[in-house]
C-alpha atoms as a PDB file:
ATOM      1  CA  MET A   1      11.430   4.455   2.580  1.00  0.00           C
ATOM      2  CA  GLN A   2       8.809   7.054   3.430  1.00  0.00           C
ATOM      3  CA  THR A   3      10.044   9.618   5.954  1.00  0.00           C
ATOM      4  CA  TYR A   4       7.923   9.552   9.108  1.00  0.00           C
ATOM      5  CA  VAL A   5       6.171  12.860   9.831  1.00  0.00           C
ATOM      6  CA  GLY A   6       3.824  12.839  12.816  1.00  0.00           C
ATOM      7  CA  ARG A   7       2.008  15.558  14.725  1.00  0.00           C
ATOM      8  CA  PHE A   8       0.176  16.504  17.891  1.00  0.00           C
ATOM      9  CA  ALA A   9      -2.752  18.877  17.421  1.00  0.00           C
ATOM     10  CA  PRO A  10      -4.331  20.199  20.636  1.00  0.00           C
ATOM     11  CA  SER A  11      -7.171  22.715  20.739  1.00  0.00           C
ATOM     12  CA  PRO A  12      -6.635  25.724  23.041  1.00  0.00           C
ATOM     13  CA  THR A  13     -10.065  25.297  24.610  1.00  0.00           C
ATOM     14  CA  GLY A  14      -8.740  23.851  27.879  1.00  0.00           C
ATOM     15  CA  GLN A  15      -5.493  22.891  29.533  1.00  0.00           C
ATOM     16  CA  LEU A  16      -3.773  19.548  29.019  1.00  0.00           C
ATOM     17  CA  HIS A  17      -4.776  16.754  31.427  1.00  0.00           C
ATOM     18  CA  LEU A  18      -3.675  13.144  31.904  1.00  0.00           C
ATOM     19  CA  GLY A  19      -5.633  11.917  28.876  1.00  0.00           C
ATOM     20  CA  SER A  20      -4.060  14.656  26.758  1.00  0.00           C
ATOM     21  CA  LEU A  21      -0.616  13.652  28.011  1.00  0.00           C
ATOM     22  CA  VAL A  22      -1.189  10.017  27.034  1.00  0.00           C
ATOM     23  CA  ALA A  23      -2.146  11.114  23.504  1.00  0.00           C
ATOM     24  CA  ALA A  24       0.783  13.520  23.206  1.00  0.00           C
ATOM     25  CA  LEU A  25       3.273  11.038  24.634  1.00  0.00           C
ATOM     26  CA  GLY A  26       2.038   8.183  22.452  1.00  0.00           C
ATOM     27  CA  SER A  27       2.347  10.214  19.264  1.00  0.00           C
ATOM     28  CA  TYR A  28       5.728  11.615  20.330  1.00  0.00           C
ATOM     29  CA  LEU A  29       7.246   8.232  21.214  1.00  0.00           C
ATOM     30  CA  ASP A  30       5.957   6.605  18.044  1.00  0.00           C
ATOM     31  CA  ALA A  31       7.532   9.347  15.938  1.00  0.00           C
ATOM     32  CA  ARG A  32      10.848   9.335  17.781  1.00  0.00           C
ATOM     33  CA  HIS A  33      11.028   5.525  17.896  1.00  0.00           C
ATOM     34  CA  HIS A  34      10.807   5.509  14.101  1.00  0.00           C
ATOM     35  CA  GLY A  35      13.336   8.328  13.720  1.00  0.00           C
ATOM     36  CA  GLY A  36      10.612  10.671  12.515  1.00  0.00           C
ATOM     37  CA  ARG A  37       9.660  14.308  12.886  1.00  0.00           C
ATOM     38  CA  TRP A  38       6.988  15.416  15.374  1.00  0.00           C
ATOM     39  CA  LEU A  39       5.119  18.586  14.473  1.00  0.00           C
ATOM     40  CA  LEU A  40       2.814  20.693  16.610  1.00  0.00           C
ATOM     41  CA  ARG A  41      -0.386  22.224  15.273  1.00  0.00           C
ATOM     42  CA  MET A  42      -2.637  24.459  17.367  1.00  0.00           C
ATOM     43  CA  GLU A  43      -6.207  23.822  16.232  1.00  0.00           C
ATOM     44  CA  ASP A  44      -7.651  27.212  17.100  1.00  0.00           C
ATOM     45  CA  LEU A  45     -10.348  27.595  14.434  1.00  0.00           C
ATOM     46  CA  ASP A  46     -13.281  27.309  16.857  1.00  0.00           C
ATOM     47  CA  THR A  47     -12.775  30.858  18.087  1.00  0.00           C
ATOM     48  CA  PRO A  48     -15.880  31.014  20.357  1.00  0.00           C
ATOM     49  CA  ARG A  49     -14.393  28.165  22.433  1.00  0.00           C
ATOM     50  CA  VAL A  50     -10.755  29.299  22.461  1.00  0.00           C
ATOM     51  CA  VAL A  51      -9.645  30.265  25.982  1.00  0.00           C
ATOM     52  CA  PRO A  52      -7.325  33.302  26.062  1.00  0.00           C
ATOM     53  CA  GLY A  53      -3.814  32.314  27.152  1.00  0.00           C
ATOM     54  CA  CYS A  54      -4.570  28.594  26.879  1.00  0.00           C
ATOM     55  CA  ALA A  55      -2.349  28.015  23.849  1.00  0.00           C
ATOM     56  CA  ASP A  56       0.681  29.488  25.627  1.00  0.00           C
ATOM     57  CA  ARG A  57       0.030  27.275  28.656  1.00  0.00           C
ATOM     58  CA  ILE A  58      -0.174  24.203  26.414  1.00  0.00           C
ATOM     59  CA  LEU A  59       3.175  25.043  24.814  1.00  0.00           C
ATOM     60  CA  THR A  60       4.798  25.667  28.203  1.00  0.00           C
ATOM     61  CA  THR A  61       3.430  22.387  29.550  1.00  0.00           C
ATOM     62  CA  LEU A  62       4.687  20.337  26.609  1.00  0.00           C
ATOM     63  CA  GLU A  63       8.135  21.850  26.978  1.00  0.00           C
ATOM     64  CA  ALA A  64       8.172  21.131  30.719  1.00  0.00           C
ATOM     65  CA  PHE A  65       7.392  17.471  29.931  1.00  0.00           C
ATOM     66  CA  GLY A  66      10.267  17.330  27.439  1.00  0.00           C
ATOM     67  CA  LEU A  67       7.928  16.942  24.461  1.00  0.00           C
ATOM     68  CA  HIS A  68       9.804  19.214  22.079  1.00  0.00           C
ATOM     69  CA  TRP A  69       8.398  19.565  18.586  1.00  0.00           C
ATOM     70  CA  ASP A  70      10.205  20.059  15.286  1.00  0.00           C
ATOM     71  CA  GLY A  71       9.971  23.360  13.422  1.00  0.00           C
ATOM     72  CA  GLU A  72       7.556  26.178  14.194  1.00  0.00           C
ATOM     73  CA  VAL A  73       4.115  25.784  15.712  1.00  0.00           C
ATOM     74  CA  SER A  74       1.383  25.784  13.056  1.00  0.00           C
ATOM     75  CA  TRP A  75      -1.719  27.848  13.865  1.00  0.00           C
ATOM     76  CA  GLN A  76      -4.849  26.886  11.954  1.00  0.00           C
ATOM     77  CA  SER A  77      -6.363  30.355  12.307  1.00  0.00           C
ATOM     78  CA  ARG A  78      -3.488  31.800  10.270  1.00  0.00           C
ATOM     79  CA  HIS A  79      -4.125  29.571   7.257  1.00  0.00           C
ATOM     80  CA  LEU A  80      -7.727  30.317   6.345  1.00  0.00           C
ATOM     81  CA  ASP A  81      -6.754  30.732   2.707  1.00  0.00           C
ATOM     82  CA  ARG A  82      -5.875  27.050   2.347  1.00  0.00           C
ATOM     83  CA  PHE A  83      -9.283  26.000   3.704  1.00  0.00           C
ATOM     84  CA  ARG A  84     -11.057  28.482   1.449  1.00  0.00           C
ATOM     85  CA  ASP A  85      -9.236  27.169  -1.619  1.00  0.00           C
ATOM     86  CA  ALA A  86      -9.839  23.513  -0.759  1.00  0.00           C
ATOM     87  CA  LEU A  87     -13.546  24.124  -0.162  1.00  0.00           C
ATOM     88  CA  ALA A  88     -13.833  26.011  -3.445  1.00  0.00           C
ATOM     89  CA  ASP A  89     -12.296  23.005  -5.193  1.00  0.00           C
ATOM     90  CA  LEU A  90     -14.803  20.615  -3.608  1.00  0.00           C
ATOM     91  CA  ARG A  91     -17.717  22.908  -4.469  1.00  0.00           C
ATOM     92  CA  ALA A  92     -16.633  23.284  -8.072  1.00  0.00           C
ATOM     93  CA  ARG A  93     -16.633  19.506  -8.513  1.00  0.00           C
ATOM     94  CA  GLY A  94     -20.011  18.944  -6.834  1.00  0.00           C
ATOM     95  CA  PHE A  95     -18.751  17.320  -3.649  1.00  0.00           C
ATOM     96  CA  THR A  96     -20.631  19.696  -1.329  1.00  0.00           C
ATOM     97  CA  PHE A  97     -24.110  21.138  -0.786  1.00  0.00           C
ATOM     98  CA  GLU A  98     -25.612  23.824   1.421  1.00  0.00           C
ATOM     99  CA  CYS A  99     -27.664  22.762   4.436  1.00  0.00           C
ATOM    100  CA  SER A 100     -30.197  24.896   6.307  1.00  0.00           C
ATOM    101  CA  CYS A 101     -31.312  22.222   8.797  1.00  0.00           C
ATOM    102  CA  SER A 102     -32.004  23.618  12.254  1.00  0.00           C
ATOM    103  CA  ARG A 103     -29.937  22.761  15.309  1.00  0.00           C
ATOM    104  CA  ARG A 104     -32.926  20.843  16.674  1.00  0.00           C
ATOM    105  CA  MET A 105     -33.125  18.676  13.553  1.00  0.00           C
ATOM    106  CA  ARG A 106     -29.390  18.008  13.680  1.00  0.00           C
ATOM    107  CA  LEU A 107     -29.572  16.931  17.317  1.00  0.00           C
ATOM    108  CA  GLU A 108     -32.549  14.660  16.629  1.00  0.00           C
ATOM    109  CA  ASN A 109     -30.488  12.796  14.024  1.00  0.00           C
ATOM    110  CA  GLU A 110     -27.156  12.919  15.826  1.00  0.00           C
ATOM    111  CA  GLU A 111     -27.105   9.210  16.682  1.00  0.00           C
ATOM    112  CA  ARG A 112     -28.255   8.066  13.217  1.00  0.00           C
ATOM    113  CA  GLY A 113     -26.220  10.461  11.124  1.00  0.00           C
ATOM    114  CA  TYR A 114     -27.427  13.240   8.889  1.00  0.00           C
ATOM    115  CA  PRO A 115     -30.452  11.961   6.870  1.00  0.00           C
ATOM    116  CA  GLY A 116     -29.708  13.990   3.738  1.00  0.00           C
ATOM    117  CA  THR A 117     -32.582  16.459   4.109  1.00  0.00           C
ATOM    118  CA  CYS A 118     -30.951  19.238   2.041  1.00  0.00           C
ATOM    119  CA  ARG A 119     -28.990  16.979  -0.306  1.00  0.00           C
ATOM    120  CA  ASP A 120     -31.131  17.386  -3.404  1.00  0.00           C
ATOM    121  CA  LYS A 121     -33.112  20.548  -2.781  1.00  0.00           C
ATOM    122  CA  PRO A 122     -32.279  24.205  -2.207  1.00  0.00           C
ATOM    123  CA  PRO A 123     -31.885  25.234   1.437  1.00  0.00           C
ATOM    124  CA  THR A 124     -34.818  27.057   2.980  1.00  0.00           C
ATOM    125  CA  ALA A 125     -32.878  29.709   4.906  1.00  0.00           C
ATOM    126  CA  ALA A 126     -30.311  32.353   4.005  1.00  0.00           C
ATOM    127  CA  SER A 127     -27.886  31.088   6.640  1.00  0.00           C
ATOM    128  CA  THR A 128     -26.450  27.670   5.775  1.00  0.00           C
ATOM    129  CA  ALA A 129     -23.723  25.213   6.652  1.00  0.00           C
ATOM    130  CA  THR A 130     -21.775  23.387   3.952  1.00  0.00           C
ATOM    131  CA  ARG A 131     -21.758  19.595   3.941  1.00  0.00           C
ATOM    132  CA  PHE A 132     -19.557  17.092   2.117  1.00  0.00           C
ATOM    133  CA  ARG A 133     -21.466  14.416   0.196  1.00  0.00           C
ATOM    134  CA  ILE A 134     -20.716  10.922   1.474  1.00  0.00           C
ATOM    135  CA  ASP A 135     -21.161   8.040  -0.984  1.00  0.00           C
ATOM    136  CA  ASP A 136     -22.821   4.731  -0.181  1.00  0.00           C
ATOM    137  CA  GLU A 137     -19.681   2.701   0.460  1.00  0.00           C
ATOM    138  CA  LEU A 138     -17.638   0.829   3.008  1.00  0.00           C
ATOM    139  CA  VAL A 139     -14.495   2.549   4.239  1.00  0.00           C
ATOM    140  CA  THR A 140     -11.905  -0.048   5.236  1.00  0.00           C
ATOM    141  CA  PHE A 141      -8.440   0.543   6.612  1.00  0.00           C
ATOM    142  CA  GLU A 142      -5.811  -1.102   8.786  1.00  0.00           C
ATOM    143  CA  ASP A 143      -5.230   0.828  11.971  1.00  0.00           C
ATOM    144  CA  ARG A 144      -1.747   0.179  13.339  1.00  0.00           C
ATOM    145  CA  PHE A 145      -3.002  -0.029  16.935  1.00  0.00           C
ATOM    146  CA  GLN A 146      -6.639  -1.123  16.540  1.00  0.00           C
ATOM    147  CA  GLY A 147      -6.448  -3.534  13.603  1.00  0.00           C
ATOM    148  CA  ARG A 148      -8.855  -3.769  10.689  1.00  0.00           C
ATOM    149  CA  CYS A 149     -11.609  -1.118  10.767  1.00  0.00           C
ATOM    150  CA  VAL A 150     -14.735  -1.026   8.603  1.00  0.00           C
ATOM    151  CA  PHE A 151     -17.269   1.811   8.540  1.00  0.00           C
ATOM    152  CA  THR A 152     -20.437   2.258   6.493  1.00  0.00           C
ATOM    153  CA  ALA A 153     -19.757   5.818   5.437  1.00  0.00           C
ATOM    154  CA  ARG A 154     -23.281   6.685   4.257  1.00  0.00           C
ATOM    155  CA  ALA A 155     -24.744   5.675   7.618  1.00  0.00           C
ATOM    156  CA  MET A 156     -22.508   8.267   9.266  1.00  0.00           C
ATOM    157  CA  GLY A 157     -24.099  10.981   7.129  1.00  0.00           C
ATOM    158  CA  ASP A 158     -22.859  13.943   5.104  1.00  0.00           C
ATOM    159  CA  VAL A 159     -20.302  15.672   7.296  1.00  0.00           C
ATOM    160  CA  VAL A 160     -20.221  19.437   7.894  1.00  0.00           C
ATOM    161  CA  VAL A 161     -17.120  21.103   6.439  1.00  0.00           C
ATOM    162  CA  ARG A 162     -18.104  24.741   7.028  1.00  0.00           C
ATOM    163  CA  ARG A 163     -20.371  25.659   9.908  1.00  0.00           C
ATOM    164  CA  ARG A 164     -23.309  28.046   9.705  1.00  0.00           C
ATOM    165  CA  ASP A 165     -21.204  30.699  11.475  1.00  0.00           C
ATOM    166  CA  GLY A 166     -18.569  30.438   8.755  1.00  0.00           C
ATOM    167  CA  ILE A 167     -16.001  28.505  10.824  1.00  0.00           C
ATOM    168  CA  TYR A 168     -14.346  25.604   9.013  1.00  0.00           C
ATOM    169  CA  ALA A 169     -15.148  22.323  10.746  1.00  0.00           C
ATOM    170  CA  TYR A 170     -12.565  20.048  12.351  1.00  0.00           C
ATOM    171  CA  GLN A 171     -13.162  17.073  10.037  1.00  0.00           C
ATOM    172  CA  PHE A 172     -12.361  19.205   6.989  1.00  0.00           C
ATOM    173  CA  ALA A 173      -9.566  21.353   8.419  1.00  0.00           C
ATOM    174  CA  VAL A 174      -7.589  18.380   9.700  1.00  0.00           C
ATOM    175  CA  VAL A 175      -7.583  16.781   6.236  1.00  0.00           C
ATOM    176  CA  VAL A 176      -6.365  19.979   4.567  1.00  0.00           C
ATOM    177  CA  ASP A 177      -3.704  20.635   7.203  1.00  0.00           C
ATOM    178  CA  ASP A 178      -2.374  17.061   7.309  1.00  0.00           C
ATOM    179  CA  ALA A 179      -1.999  17.123   3.533  1.00  0.00           C
ATOM    180  CA  HIS A 180      -0.314  20.542   3.531  1.00  0.00           C
ATOM    181  CA  ASP A 181       2.105  19.553   6.309  1.00  0.00           C
ATOM    182  CA  GLY A 182       3.004  16.240   4.672  1.00  0.00           C
ATOM    183  CA  ILE A 183       1.813  14.178   7.640  1.00  0.00           C
ATOM    184  CA  THR A 184       2.542  10.504   6.991  1.00  0.00           C
ATOM    185  CA  HIS A 185       1.490   9.016  10.345  1.00  0.00           C
ATOM    186  CA  VAL A 186      -1.432  10.109  12.504  1.00  0.00           C
ATOM    187  CA  VAL A 187      -1.331   8.857  16.101  1.00  0.00           C
ATOM    188  CA  ARG A 188      -4.295  10.059  18.182  1.00  0.00           C
ATOM    189  CA  GLY A 189      -6.965   8.934  20.639  1.00  0.00           C
ATOM    190  CA  ALA A 190      -9.483   6.202  19.834  1.00  0.00           C
ATOM    191  CA  ASP A 191     -12.345   8.671  20.314  1.00  0.00           C
ATOM    192  CA  LEU A 192     -11.450   9.923  16.816  1.00  0.00           C
ATOM    193  CA  LEU A 193     -11.401   6.482  15.208  1.00  0.00           C
ATOM    194  CA  SER A 194     -14.754   6.804  13.432  1.00  0.00           C
ATOM    195  CA  SER A 195     -13.784  10.253  12.147  1.00  0.00           C
ATOM    196  CA  THR A 196     -11.148   8.561  10.009  1.00  0.00           C
ATOM    197  CA  ALA A 197     -13.850   7.311   7.620  1.00  0.00           C
ATOM    198  CA  TRP A 198     -15.065  10.852   6.884  1.00  0.00           C
ATOM    199  CA  GLN A 199     -11.514  12.098   6.526  1.00  0.00           C
ATOM    200  CA  MET A 200     -10.547   9.346   4.104  1.00  0.00           C
ATOM    201  CA  CYS A 201     -13.517  10.212   1.889  1.00  0.00           C
ATOM    202  CA  MET A 202     -12.400  13.847   1.784  1.00  0.00           C
ATOM    203  CA  GLN A 203      -8.776  12.886   1.144  1.00  0.00           C
ATOM    204  CA  ARG A 204      -9.870  10.963  -1.924  1.00  0.00           C
ATOM    205  CA  ALA A 205     -12.031  13.844  -3.156  1.00  0.00           C
ATOM    206  CA  LEU A 206      -9.176  16.336  -2.702  1.00  0.00           C
ATOM    207  CA  ASN A 207      -6.697  13.878  -4.234  1.00  0.00           C
ATOM    208  CA  VAL A 208      -4.264  14.200  -1.321  1.00  0.00           C
ATOM    209  CA  MET A 209      -2.074  11.668   0.441  1.00  0.00           C
ATOM    210  CA  LYS A 210      -3.706   9.398   3.004  1.00  0.00           C
ATOM    211  CA  PRO A 211      -1.648   9.073   6.211  1.00  0.00           C
ATOM    212  CA  THR A 212      -1.209   5.818   8.111  1.00  0.00           C
ATOM    213  CA  TYR A 213      -3.525   5.850  11.127  1.00  0.00           C
ATOM    214  CA  ALA A 214      -2.934   4.560  14.642  1.00  0.00           C
ATOM    215  CA  HIS A 215      -5.465   5.185  17.417  1.00  0.00           C
ATOM    216  CA  LEU A 216      -4.297   5.058  21.011  1.00  0.00           C
ATOM    217  CA  PRO A 217      -6.611   3.671  23.690  1.00  0.00           C
ATOM    218  CA  LEU A 218      -8.725   6.348  25.306  1.00  0.00           C
ATOM    219  CA  VAL A 219      -8.124   7.068  28.993  1.00  0.00           C
ATOM    220  CA  THR A 220     -11.394   6.581  30.890  1.00  0.00           C
ATOM    221  CA  GLU A 221     -12.752   6.434  34.405  1.00  0.00           C
ATOM    222  CA  PRO A 222     -13.279   2.914  35.828  1.00  0.00           C
ATOM    223  CA  ASP A 223     -16.972   3.165  34.844  1.00  0.00           C
ATOM    224  CA  GLY A 224     -16.022   3.846  31.217  1.00  0.00           C
ATOM    225  CA  ALA A 225     -16.706   7.600  31.205  1.00  0.00           C
ATOM    226  CA  LYS A 226     -14.163   9.657  29.274  1.00  0.00           C
ATOM    227  CA  LEU A 227     -11.570  11.049  31.680  1.00  0.00           C
ATOM    228  CA  SER A 228     -11.584  14.459  29.983  1.00  0.00           C
ATOM    229  CA  LYS A 229     -15.283  14.796  30.863  1.00  0.00           C
ATOM    230  CA  SER A 230     -14.865  13.943  34.550  1.00  0.00           C
ATOM    231  CA  ARG A 231     -14.022  15.981  37.633  1.00  0.00           C
ATOM    232  CA  ARG A 232     -10.635  14.249  37.802  1.00  0.00           C
ATOM    233  CA  SER A 233      -9.594  15.849  34.535  1.00  0.00           C
ATOM    234  CA  VAL A 234      -7.343  18.350  36.278  1.00  0.00           C
ATOM    235  CA  PRO A 235      -4.649  20.345  34.460  1.00  0.00           C
ATOM    236  CA  LEU A 236      -1.165  18.860  34.373  1.00  0.00           C
ATOM    237  CA  ASN A 237       1.348  20.324  36.804  1.00  0.00           C
ATOM    238  CA  PRO A 238       4.433  21.385  34.792  1.00  0.00           C
ATOM    239  CA  ALA A 239       6.427  21.673  38.031  1.00  0.00           C
ATOM    240  CA  HIS A 240       6.392  17.881  38.563  1.00  0.00           C
ATOM    241  CA  PRO A 241       6.502  16.237  35.124  1.00  0.00           C
ATOM    242  CA  ALA A 242       8.379  12.994  35.903  1.00  0.00           C
ATOM    243  CA  PRO A 243       5.655  11.206  37.945  1.00  0.00           C
ATOM    244  CA  LEU A 244       2.997  12.084  35.383  1.00  0.00           C
ATOM    245  CA  LEU A 245       5.181  10.912  32.505  1.00  0.00           C
ATOM    246  CA  LEU A 246       5.621   7.585  34.261  1.00  0.00           C
ATOM    247  CA  SER A 247       1.855   7.355  34.841  1.00  0.00           C
ATOM    248  CA  ALA A 248       1.246   7.993  31.141  1.00  0.00           C
ATOM    249  CA  LEU A 249       3.800   5.338  30.184  1.00  0.00           C
ATOM    250  CA  SER A 250       2.126   2.846  32.516  1.00  0.00           C
ATOM    251  CA  LEU A 251      -1.324   3.631  31.097  1.00  0.00           C
ATOM    252  CA  LEU A 252       0.125   2.838  27.679  1.00  0.00           C
ATOM    253  CA  GLY A 253       1.318  -0.511  29.042  1.00  0.00           C
ATOM    254  CA  GLN A 254       5.005   0.331  28.673  1.00  0.00           C
ATOM    255  CA  SER A 255       6.052  -0.940  32.159  1.00  0.00           C
ATOM    256  CA  PRO A 256       8.829   1.519  33.078  1.00  0.00           C
ATOM    257  CA  PRO A 257      11.435  -0.183  35.309  1.00  0.00           C
ATOM    258  CA  PRO A 258      11.959   0.566  39.010  1.00  0.00           C
ATOM    259  CA  GLY A 259      14.270   3.485  39.576  1.00  0.00           C
ATOM    260  CA  LEU A 260      13.207   5.395  36.483  1.00  0.00           C
ATOM    261  CA  GLU A 261      11.202   7.695  38.730  1.00  0.00           C
ATOM    262  CA  PHE A 262      14.492   9.125  39.995  1.00  0.00           C
ATOM    263  CA  GLU A 263      15.730   9.965  36.507  1.00  0.00           C
ATOM    264  CA  SER A 264      15.349  13.177  34.509  1.00  0.00           C
ATOM    265  CA  VAL A 265      12.519  13.852  32.095  1.00  0.00           C
ATOM    266  CA  ASP A 266      14.921  13.380  29.178  1.00  0.00           C
ATOM    267  CA  SER A 267      16.018   9.991  30.533  1.00  0.00           C
ATOM    268  CA  ILE A 268      12.406   8.872  30.971  1.00  0.00           C
ATOM    269  CA  LEU A 269      11.563   9.875  27.402  1.00  0.00           C
ATOM    270  CA  LYS A 270      14.697   8.169  26.066  1.00  0.00           C
ATOM    271  CA  TRP A 271      13.665   4.941  27.798  1.00  0.00           C
ATOM    272  CA  GLY A 272      10.156   5.305  26.383  1.00  0.00           C
ATOM    273  CA  ARG A 273      11.480   5.919  22.884  1.00  0.00           C
ATOM    274  CA  ASP A 274      13.891   2.979  22.972  1.00  0.00           C
ATOM    275  CA  HIS A 275      11.337   0.545  24.431  1.00  0.00           C
ATOM    276  CA  TRP A 276       8.192   1.756  22.663  1.00  0.00           C
ATOM    277  CA  ASN A 277       5.941  -1.274  22.153  1.00  0.00           C
ATOM    278  CA  PRO A 278       2.375  -0.615  20.935  1.00  0.00           C
ATOM    279  CA  ARG A 279       1.677  -4.359  20.700  1.00  0.00           C
ATOM    280  CA  VAL A 280       0.837  -4.393  24.404  1.00  0.00           C
ATOM    281  CA  PHE A 281      -2.330  -2.357  23.809  1.00  0.00           C
ATOM    282  CA  PHE A 282      -3.197  -3.564  20.299  1.00  0.00           C
ATOM    283  CA  GLY A 283      -6.969  -3.641  19.839  1.00  0.00           C
ATOM    284  CA  THR A 284      -7.581  -1.838  23.125  1.00  0.00           C
ATOM    285  CA  GLY A 285     -10.069   0.965  22.662  1.00  0.00           C
ATOM    286  CA  ALA A 286      -9.909   2.279  26.233  1.00  0.00           C
ATOM    287  CA  ILE A 287      -7.757   2.111  29.347  1.00  0.00           C
ATOM    288  CA  ALA A 288      -8.985   2.962  32.821  1.00  0.00           C
ATOM    289  CA  ALA A 289      -7.154   5.629  34.785  1.00  0.00           C
ATOM    290  CA  PRO A 290      -5.979   4.572  38.251  1.00  0.00           C
ATOM    291  CA  PRO A 291      -8.489   5.199  41.053  1.00  0.00           C
ATOM    292  CA  PRO A 292      -8.074   8.464  42.964  1.00  0.00           C
ATOM    293  CA  ASP A 293      -5.794   8.421  46.009  1.00  0.00           C
END
């Protein structure tokens, strides 16, 4: 049997909130329920957005909530060589092209996907981004939590793998890192579901292992707005982890029993691990956070 290797990969651009906790807890419980490893990767490539001290606060918060990872923390910013080598491989085999499209043009086509303006002609400016060529195909996969998913990859457009400022883009870096770390199971929020199509195309081009995907329902406000974008997206309080852990379990439909609120964090997580049941939210793309008190 394949050994389960999962991961949680926060970006140190803001502190963890309830939606972050649901994602972290879901990936943690799924890994532990299957007797797997749970790795932690700090996705700190987007240096202009990294908040000083935020990464340390994220680590402290996870530890306070009993979400202990296996091995050392992986820092994307310390592994630029692996991204450079992978991009060189894609370039050498014609999978990428340079793009000089302006920010305005990119925003105008954001909803429809990149129209391929620079695909077959030289860029018109010295400063360029690098894009990965997406073929005209359907990307189909079975998501463990969302069911069968089908995306028309070409309609999504050629994805940026290296930004104009030289920073490697998330969609590319996550593929390289997951392959390097031997990730077998990706459990993350449903807001990243469509990104899986891009990532699968790059996995095939790089000839690396494709993980099994499972997308947790996204925590939203009652009106459907993403919780992380709302005023209620307040940082987690590491001093009182038990009530928030129980809230996260309830949002994931796990129905913790009465009395568990008086138990330790370790006891709550043990109950969650032993009773982990993703079937209760199968096919659910979003879950509404409870109304404010």
